[in-house]
N, C-alpha and C. Protein backbone atom coordinates (compact mmCIF):
# COMPACT_ATOMS: atom_id res chain seq x y z
N MET A 1 -3.11 -12.14 5.59
CA MET A 1 -2.30 -12.81 6.54
C MET A 1 -2.03 -11.90 7.69
N ASN A 2 -2.07 -12.41 8.92
CA ASN A 2 -1.88 -11.58 10.08
C ASN A 2 -0.59 -11.91 10.78
N ILE A 3 0.47 -12.26 10.06
CA ILE A 3 1.74 -12.55 10.70
C ILE A 3 2.65 -11.31 10.47
N ARG A 4 3.20 -10.80 11.58
CA ARG A 4 4.11 -9.64 11.50
C ARG A 4 5.45 -10.06 12.18
N PRO A 5 6.46 -10.30 11.42
CA PRO A 5 7.74 -10.67 11.96
C PRO A 5 8.30 -9.58 12.84
N LEU A 6 9.03 -9.95 13.87
CA LEU A 6 9.61 -9.01 14.82
C LEU A 6 11.08 -8.83 14.51
N ALA A 7 11.66 -7.66 14.91
CA ALA A 7 13.05 -7.28 14.79
C ALA A 7 13.56 -7.55 13.40
N ASP A 8 14.64 -8.39 13.21
CA ASP A 8 15.26 -8.60 11.92
C ASP A 8 14.81 -9.84 11.24
N ARG A 9 13.53 -10.26 11.47
CA ARG A 9 13.09 -11.48 10.86
C ARG A 9 12.22 -11.21 9.63
N VAL A 10 12.25 -12.17 8.71
CA VAL A 10 11.39 -12.06 7.54
C VAL A 10 10.64 -13.39 7.34
N LEU A 11 9.45 -13.24 6.75
CA LEU A 11 8.64 -14.38 6.38
C LEU A 11 8.78 -14.63 4.86
N VAL A 12 9.18 -15.84 4.47
CA VAL A 12 9.50 -16.18 3.07
C VAL A 12 8.57 -17.32 2.62
N GLU A 13 8.00 -17.18 1.47
CA GLU A 13 7.25 -18.26 0.90
C GLU A 13 8.21 -18.99 -0.10
N PRO A 14 8.55 -20.26 0.20
CA PRO A 14 9.53 -20.96 -0.62
C PRO A 14 8.93 -21.22 -2.04
N LYS A 15 9.80 -21.20 -2.98
CA LYS A 15 9.46 -21.54 -4.37
C LYS A 15 9.14 -23.02 -4.44
N GLU A 16 8.26 -23.49 -5.27
CA GLU A 16 7.98 -24.88 -5.47
C GLU A 16 9.15 -25.64 -5.91
N ALA A 17 9.30 -26.84 -5.43
CA ALA A 17 10.42 -27.73 -5.81
C ALA A 17 10.15 -28.18 -7.26
N GLU A 18 11.23 -28.37 -7.99
CA GLU A 18 11.13 -28.83 -9.40
C GLU A 18 10.52 -30.26 -9.44
N THR A 19 9.54 -30.45 -10.34
CA THR A 19 8.99 -31.79 -10.44
C THR A 19 9.45 -32.50 -11.67
N LYS A 20 10.22 -31.86 -12.57
CA LYS A 20 10.72 -32.52 -13.74
C LYS A 20 12.05 -31.94 -14.09
N THR A 21 12.97 -32.83 -14.58
CA THR A 21 14.32 -32.30 -14.92
C THR A 21 14.26 -31.66 -16.29
N ALA A 22 15.38 -31.03 -16.70
CA ALA A 22 15.44 -30.41 -17.99
C ALA A 22 15.29 -31.37 -19.13
N SER A 23 15.61 -32.61 -18.93
CA SER A 23 15.50 -33.66 -19.98
C SER A 23 14.15 -34.31 -20.01
N GLY A 24 13.24 -33.94 -19.05
CA GLY A 24 11.90 -34.46 -19.10
C GLY A 24 11.58 -35.59 -18.10
N ILE A 25 12.52 -35.93 -17.27
CA ILE A 25 12.34 -37.00 -16.31
C ILE A 25 11.64 -36.42 -15.08
N TYR A 26 10.55 -37.09 -14.61
CA TYR A 26 9.84 -36.64 -13.45
C TYR A 26 10.48 -37.08 -12.21
N ILE A 27 10.60 -36.23 -11.21
CA ILE A 27 11.30 -36.47 -9.97
C ILE A 27 10.26 -36.83 -8.91
N PRO A 28 10.45 -38.07 -8.22
CA PRO A 28 9.48 -38.51 -7.24
C PRO A 28 9.62 -37.60 -5.99
N ASP A 29 8.58 -37.52 -5.17
CA ASP A 29 8.58 -36.70 -3.98
C ASP A 29 9.71 -37.03 -3.04
N THR A 30 10.11 -38.24 -2.92
CA THR A 30 11.17 -38.63 -2.02
C THR A 30 12.50 -38.12 -2.44
N ALA A 31 12.67 -37.81 -3.73
CA ALA A 31 14.03 -37.38 -4.24
C ALA A 31 14.07 -35.86 -4.48
N LYS A 32 13.01 -35.15 -4.22
CA LYS A 32 13.04 -33.70 -4.44
C LYS A 32 13.91 -32.98 -3.45
N GLU A 33 14.64 -31.98 -3.91
CA GLU A 33 15.50 -31.20 -3.01
C GLU A 33 14.65 -30.05 -2.48
N LYS A 34 15.03 -29.62 -1.27
CA LYS A 34 14.37 -28.48 -0.64
C LYS A 34 14.74 -27.24 -1.37
N PRO A 35 13.74 -26.38 -1.74
CA PRO A 35 14.04 -25.17 -2.51
C PRO A 35 14.91 -24.21 -1.67
N GLN A 36 15.78 -23.45 -2.37
CA GLN A 36 16.61 -22.48 -1.67
C GLN A 36 16.29 -21.05 -2.11
N GLN A 37 15.16 -20.85 -2.68
CA GLN A 37 14.73 -19.56 -3.23
C GLN A 37 13.29 -19.38 -2.86
N GLY A 38 12.92 -18.11 -2.62
CA GLY A 38 11.52 -17.81 -2.30
C GLY A 38 11.26 -16.32 -2.35
N LYS A 39 9.98 -15.98 -2.03
CA LYS A 39 9.53 -14.60 -2.10
C LYS A 39 9.23 -14.14 -0.68
N VAL A 40 9.70 -12.88 -0.38
CA VAL A 40 9.48 -12.28 0.94
C VAL A 40 8.03 -11.80 1.01
N ILE A 41 7.28 -12.31 2.04
CA ILE A 41 5.92 -12.02 2.25
C ILE A 41 5.74 -10.89 3.29
N ALA A 42 6.56 -10.90 4.35
CA ALA A 42 6.46 -9.92 5.41
C ALA A 42 7.85 -9.66 6.05
N VAL A 43 8.09 -8.46 6.49
CA VAL A 43 9.38 -8.12 7.09
C VAL A 43 9.22 -7.46 8.45
N GLY A 44 10.17 -7.61 9.37
CA GLY A 44 10.16 -6.98 10.62
C GLY A 44 10.69 -5.50 10.47
N SER A 45 10.83 -4.85 11.62
CA SER A 45 11.25 -3.45 11.57
C SER A 45 12.75 -3.29 11.59
N GLY A 46 13.52 -4.37 11.80
CA GLY A 46 14.91 -4.27 11.90
C GLY A 46 15.42 -4.05 13.34
N LYS A 47 16.74 -3.93 13.45
CA LYS A 47 17.32 -3.61 14.77
C LYS A 47 17.92 -2.23 14.73
N LYS A 48 18.27 -1.72 15.91
CA LYS A 48 18.88 -0.38 15.99
C LYS A 48 20.15 -0.28 15.14
N ASP A 49 21.04 -1.30 15.33
CA ASP A 49 22.32 -1.26 14.66
C ASP A 49 22.29 -1.99 13.31
N GLU A 50 21.18 -2.56 12.94
CA GLU A 50 21.08 -3.30 11.65
C GLU A 50 19.71 -3.03 11.03
N PRO A 51 19.66 -1.99 10.12
CA PRO A 51 18.38 -1.68 9.50
C PRO A 51 17.95 -2.79 8.56
N MET A 52 16.64 -2.88 8.34
CA MET A 52 16.04 -3.88 7.43
C MET A 52 16.34 -3.53 5.97
N GLU A 53 17.05 -4.34 5.25
CA GLU A 53 17.39 -4.14 3.86
C GLU A 53 16.38 -4.77 2.89
N LEU A 54 15.68 -5.78 3.39
CA LEU A 54 14.73 -6.54 2.55
C LEU A 54 13.38 -5.85 2.60
N LYS A 55 12.60 -6.03 1.51
CA LYS A 55 11.26 -5.49 1.46
C LYS A 55 10.28 -6.55 0.94
N VAL A 56 9.06 -6.38 1.15
CA VAL A 56 8.00 -7.29 0.71
C VAL A 56 8.06 -7.37 -0.82
N GLY A 57 8.04 -8.59 -1.38
CA GLY A 57 8.02 -8.81 -2.79
C GLY A 57 9.40 -9.19 -3.32
N ASP A 58 10.45 -9.05 -2.52
CA ASP A 58 11.79 -9.38 -2.99
C ASP A 58 11.90 -10.91 -3.20
N THR A 59 12.57 -11.31 -4.22
CA THR A 59 12.91 -12.75 -4.39
C THR A 59 14.30 -12.98 -3.88
N VAL A 60 14.40 -13.94 -2.93
CA VAL A 60 15.64 -14.07 -2.18
C VAL A 60 16.19 -15.50 -2.34
N LEU A 61 17.51 -15.63 -2.09
CA LEU A 61 18.20 -16.90 -2.10
C LEU A 61 18.70 -17.07 -0.64
N TYR A 62 18.42 -18.29 -0.05
CA TYR A 62 18.78 -18.49 1.35
C TYR A 62 19.45 -19.87 1.47
N GLY A 63 20.10 -20.09 2.64
CA GLY A 63 20.79 -21.31 2.89
C GLY A 63 19.84 -22.52 2.93
N LYS A 64 20.38 -23.67 2.71
CA LYS A 64 19.57 -24.93 2.58
C LYS A 64 18.82 -25.24 3.89
N TYR A 65 19.47 -25.00 5.04
CA TYR A 65 18.80 -25.37 6.30
C TYR A 65 18.43 -24.13 7.10
N SER A 66 18.17 -22.98 6.44
CA SER A 66 17.86 -21.69 7.12
C SER A 66 16.41 -21.72 7.48
N GLY A 67 16.11 -20.98 8.56
CA GLY A 67 14.77 -20.67 8.94
C GLY A 67 14.01 -21.78 9.64
N THR A 68 12.82 -21.37 10.11
CA THR A 68 11.92 -22.27 10.79
C THR A 68 10.65 -22.48 9.95
N GLU A 69 10.27 -23.68 9.68
CA GLU A 69 9.14 -23.97 8.83
C GLU A 69 7.85 -23.72 9.63
N ILE A 70 6.88 -22.96 9.08
CA ILE A 70 5.59 -22.82 9.74
C ILE A 70 4.54 -23.02 8.67
N THR A 71 3.32 -23.37 9.08
CA THR A 71 2.16 -23.55 8.18
C THR A 71 1.08 -22.65 8.62
N VAL A 72 0.56 -21.76 7.71
CA VAL A 72 -0.54 -20.89 8.01
C VAL A 72 -1.58 -21.03 6.94
N ASP A 73 -2.80 -21.35 7.33
CA ASP A 73 -3.91 -21.52 6.38
C ASP A 73 -3.53 -22.55 5.27
N GLY A 74 -2.82 -23.62 5.64
CA GLY A 74 -2.49 -24.64 4.67
C GLY A 74 -1.31 -24.32 3.75
N LYS A 75 -0.67 -23.19 3.90
CA LYS A 75 0.48 -22.86 3.04
C LYS A 75 1.70 -22.90 3.97
N ASP A 76 2.81 -23.34 3.40
CA ASP A 76 4.07 -23.44 4.05
C ASP A 76 4.91 -22.16 3.90
N TYR A 77 5.54 -21.70 5.00
CA TYR A 77 6.40 -20.56 4.97
C TYR A 77 7.66 -20.85 5.75
N LEU A 78 8.65 -19.97 5.62
CA LEU A 78 9.86 -20.04 6.40
C LEU A 78 10.04 -18.71 7.12
N MET A 79 10.25 -18.77 8.43
CA MET A 79 10.56 -17.58 9.23
C MET A 79 12.03 -17.58 9.49
N MET A 80 12.75 -16.55 9.00
CA MET A 80 14.23 -16.51 9.21
C MET A 80 14.72 -15.13 9.45
N ARG A 81 15.95 -15.05 9.94
CA ARG A 81 16.62 -13.77 10.18
C ARG A 81 17.07 -13.21 8.86
N GLN A 82 17.19 -11.90 8.81
CA GLN A 82 17.69 -11.23 7.64
C GLN A 82 19.11 -11.72 7.24
N SER A 83 19.89 -12.05 8.27
CA SER A 83 21.24 -12.52 8.04
C SER A 83 21.29 -13.93 7.42
N ASP A 84 20.23 -14.69 7.45
CA ASP A 84 20.15 -16.00 6.85
C ASP A 84 19.98 -15.87 5.30
N VAL A 85 19.54 -14.75 4.82
CA VAL A 85 19.34 -14.49 3.40
C VAL A 85 20.68 -14.19 2.79
N LEU A 86 21.00 -14.96 1.72
CA LEU A 86 22.30 -14.86 1.05
C LEU A 86 22.31 -13.79 -0.01
N ALA A 87 21.22 -13.59 -0.78
CA ALA A 87 21.20 -12.62 -1.88
C ALA A 87 19.78 -12.34 -2.26
N VAL A 88 19.60 -11.13 -2.86
CA VAL A 88 18.36 -10.77 -3.45
C VAL A 88 18.48 -10.94 -4.95
N LEU A 89 17.56 -11.65 -5.53
CA LEU A 89 17.63 -11.97 -7.00
C LEU A 89 16.87 -10.85 -7.84
C-alpha cells in the first residue's frame, strides 16, 4: 500500500461488523452497526507539539463517527487524526 498519512493522521482498517449475535441470530446488512474498533495500518510523523503515540499494528478503539472513509484496492479504510482515537486495546 502506498498511502502515507501526514502530520498526526493515522490509517485504520476497521474490524468487520458482527454478522451473528451471541444467541445465534443472524443480523441483516441493514441492521449492522458501524464497527468502532480497528487495526492501525499506517501512521504520520506527528506534530511538533504532539508526538505520534500510535504505531503500525496497534488495535484501537475510536468514536462512532470518526474519520473519513476511503477505499483503496477494494478495501475500506478510515483516515483519522490521532486525537480521534479513544484507546489502544
